[in-house]
Amino acid sequence: MTVTTLRTRALLPVLASALIVLSACGGSSSAGTAGTGGTTARTVKVNVTITAGKVTPAPTAVEAKKGDHVEITVTSDRADEVHVHGYDIEKPLVAGQPTTIDFDATQAGRFEVETHESEKVLFQLLVR
């Protein structure tokens, strides 16, 4: 076996773990061009469902880069309000209907995304 083959085999579990984490978070990204400098921005998509008080997927950190576009879709079985702290974005949740919040990640930091009435933490948005 060559050194390259051994290194590739060693990386496979790491890559598989990264894919599992991304799918569990409901996050995905797609590349596109933004700005005038030809910099590549991604769209970070997060889908969350709240059923009988349980948040799915379980709350975790979702990473984005400054300048990325973020799309958060929340579906709840009861009326509530979803809030992205730090960005001060709030939107009502209508029971059984998906609610989407989209914005550009212009501020670096860790931002909690939660519901107001039921006080459920949906995830932490980590913008670097």
Protein backbone atom coordinates (compact mmCIF):
# COMPACT_ATOMS: atom_id res chain seq x y z
CA MET A 1 0.00 0.00 0.00
CA THR A 2 1.24 3.48 -0.77
CA VAL A 3 1.49 6.29 1.76
CA THR A 4 -1.22 8.19 -0.15
CA THR A 5 -3.62 5.23 0.13
CA LEU A 6 -2.98 4.94 3.87
CA ARG A 7 -3.59 8.67 4.36
CA THR A 8 -6.80 8.50 2.32
CA ARG A 9 -8.06 5.56 4.36
CA ALA A 10 -7.24 7.41 7.58
CA LEU A 11 -9.31 10.41 6.47
CA LEU A 12 -12.44 8.43 5.55
CA PRO A 13 -13.82 8.17 9.14
CA VAL A 14 -13.26 11.92 9.63
CA LEU A 15 -15.11 12.78 6.42
CA ALA A 16 -17.94 10.40 7.25
CA SER A 17 -18.31 11.98 10.70
CA ALA A 18 -18.45 15.47 9.19
CA LEU A 19 -21.22 14.41 6.81
CA ILE A 20 -23.21 12.86 9.66
CA VAL A 21 -22.92 16.06 11.73
CA LEU A 22 -24.05 18.21 8.80
CA SER A 23 -27.05 16.01 8.04
CA ALA A 24 -28.02 15.86 11.73
CA CYS A 25 -27.95 19.65 11.92
CA GLY A 26 -30.12 19.93 8.88
CA GLY A 27 -27.43 22.19 7.47
CA SER A 28 -26.26 22.23 3.93
CA SER A 29 -24.47 24.72 1.81
CA SER A 30 -24.21 25.65 -1.80
CA ALA A 31 -21.65 27.91 -3.38
CA GLY A 32 -22.37 31.08 -5.30
CA THR A 33 -20.68 34.36 -6.05
CA ALA A 34 -21.38 37.40 -3.91
CA GLY A 35 -19.91 40.85 -3.73
CA THR A 36 -17.76 42.60 -6.25
CA GLY A 37 -14.50 40.90 -5.35
CA GLY A 38 -15.67 37.52 -6.68
CA THR A 39 -15.68 36.04 -3.18
CA THR A 40 -17.59 32.83 -2.79
CA ALA A 41 -20.55 32.91 -0.40
CA ARG A 42 -22.57 29.92 0.68
CA THR A 43 -26.15 29.44 1.65
CA VAL A 44 -26.39 27.68 4.99
CA LYS A 45 -29.78 25.99 5.34
CA VAL A 46 -31.11 24.79 8.67
CA ASN A 47 -34.41 22.90 9.06
CA VAL A 48 -35.87 22.41 12.53
CA THR A 49 -39.10 20.72 13.64
CA ILE A 50 -40.75 21.06 17.04
CA THR A 51 -43.24 18.32 17.91
CA ALA A 52 -44.75 17.79 21.36
CA GLY A 53 -42.03 20.03 22.82
CA LYS A 54 -39.16 18.07 21.24
CA VAL A 55 -36.71 19.86 18.92
CA THR A 56 -35.48 17.83 15.94
CA PRO A 57 -32.62 17.66 15.23
CA ALA A 58 -31.37 18.09 18.78
CA PRO A 59 -29.90 21.56 19.42
CA THR A 60 -26.29 21.91 18.34
CA ALA A 61 -23.97 24.49 16.81
CA VAL A 62 -24.36 25.36 13.13
CA GLU A 63 -21.40 27.11 11.55
CA ALA A 64 -21.46 29.86 8.95
CA LYS A 65 -18.89 32.26 7.62
CA LYS A 66 -19.32 36.00 7.72
CA GLY A 67 -21.00 36.91 4.43
CA ASP A 68 -22.87 33.60 4.07
CA HIS A 69 -26.61 33.65 3.47
CA VAL A 70 -28.54 31.81 6.20
CA GLU A 71 -31.97 30.21 5.69
CA ILE A 72 -33.70 28.84 8.78
CA THR A 73 -36.95 26.92 8.37
CA VAL A 74 -38.90 26.03 11.51
CA THR A 75 -42.06 23.94 11.64
CA SER A 76 -43.86 23.69 14.99
CA ASP A 77 -46.98 21.85 16.06
CA ARG A 78 -48.03 24.89 18.11
CA ALA A 79 -48.09 28.63 17.56
CA ASP A 80 -45.06 30.47 18.90
CA GLU A 81 -42.40 32.91 17.77
CA VAL A 82 -38.86 32.17 16.59
CA HIS A 83 -36.05 34.61 17.40
CA VAL A 84 -32.46 34.92 16.14
CA HIS A 85 -30.59 36.69 18.94
CA GLY A 86 -27.98 39.26 17.97
CA TYR A 87 -29.63 39.81 14.61
CA ASP A 88 -32.89 40.71 16.36
CA ILE A 89 -34.98 38.84 13.82
CA GLU A 90 -38.33 37.55 15.03
CA LYS A 91 -41.04 35.75 13.12
CA PRO A 92 -44.31 34.18 14.23
CA LEU A 93 -44.70 30.42 14.00
CA VAL A 94 -48.11 29.23 12.82
CA ALA A 95 -48.92 25.71 14.01
CA GLY A 96 -48.23 23.15 11.31
CA GLN A 97 -46.83 25.64 8.78
CA PRO A 98 -43.14 26.10 7.97
CA THR A 99 -41.73 29.54 8.76
CA THR A 100 -38.54 30.65 7.01
CA ILE A 101 -36.13 33.32 8.18
CA ASP A 102 -33.37 34.30 5.80
CA PHE A 103 -30.60 36.84 6.24
CA ASP A 104 -26.94 37.47 5.51
CA ALA A 105 -24.48 36.63 8.28
CA THR A 106 -22.93 40.07 8.68
CA GLN A 107 -21.90 39.77 12.35
CA ALA A 108 -19.35 37.35 13.77
CA GLY A 109 -20.16 35.58 17.03
CA ARG A 110 -22.39 32.94 18.60
CA PHE A 111 -26.11 33.58 18.29
CA GLU A 112 -28.88 31.60 19.93
CA VAL A 113 -31.94 30.71 17.86
CA GLU A 114 -34.92 29.96 20.08
CA THR A 115 -38.68 30.09 20.45
CA HIS A 116 -40.10 32.77 22.71
CA GLU A 117 -43.20 31.31 24.33
CA SER A 118 -41.99 27.75 24.82
CA GLU A 119 -38.37 28.91 25.36
CA LYS A 120 -36.94 26.08 23.26
CA VAL A 121 -33.36 26.49 22.09
CA LEU A 122 -33.29 25.37 18.45
CA PHE A 123 -29.54 25.73 17.83
CA GLN A 124 -26.56 28.05 18.18
CA LEU A 125 -25.46 29.89 15.02
CA LEU A 126 -21.68 30.28 15.04
CA VAL A 127 -20.52 32.91 12.54
CA ARG A 128 -16.76 33.21 11.99
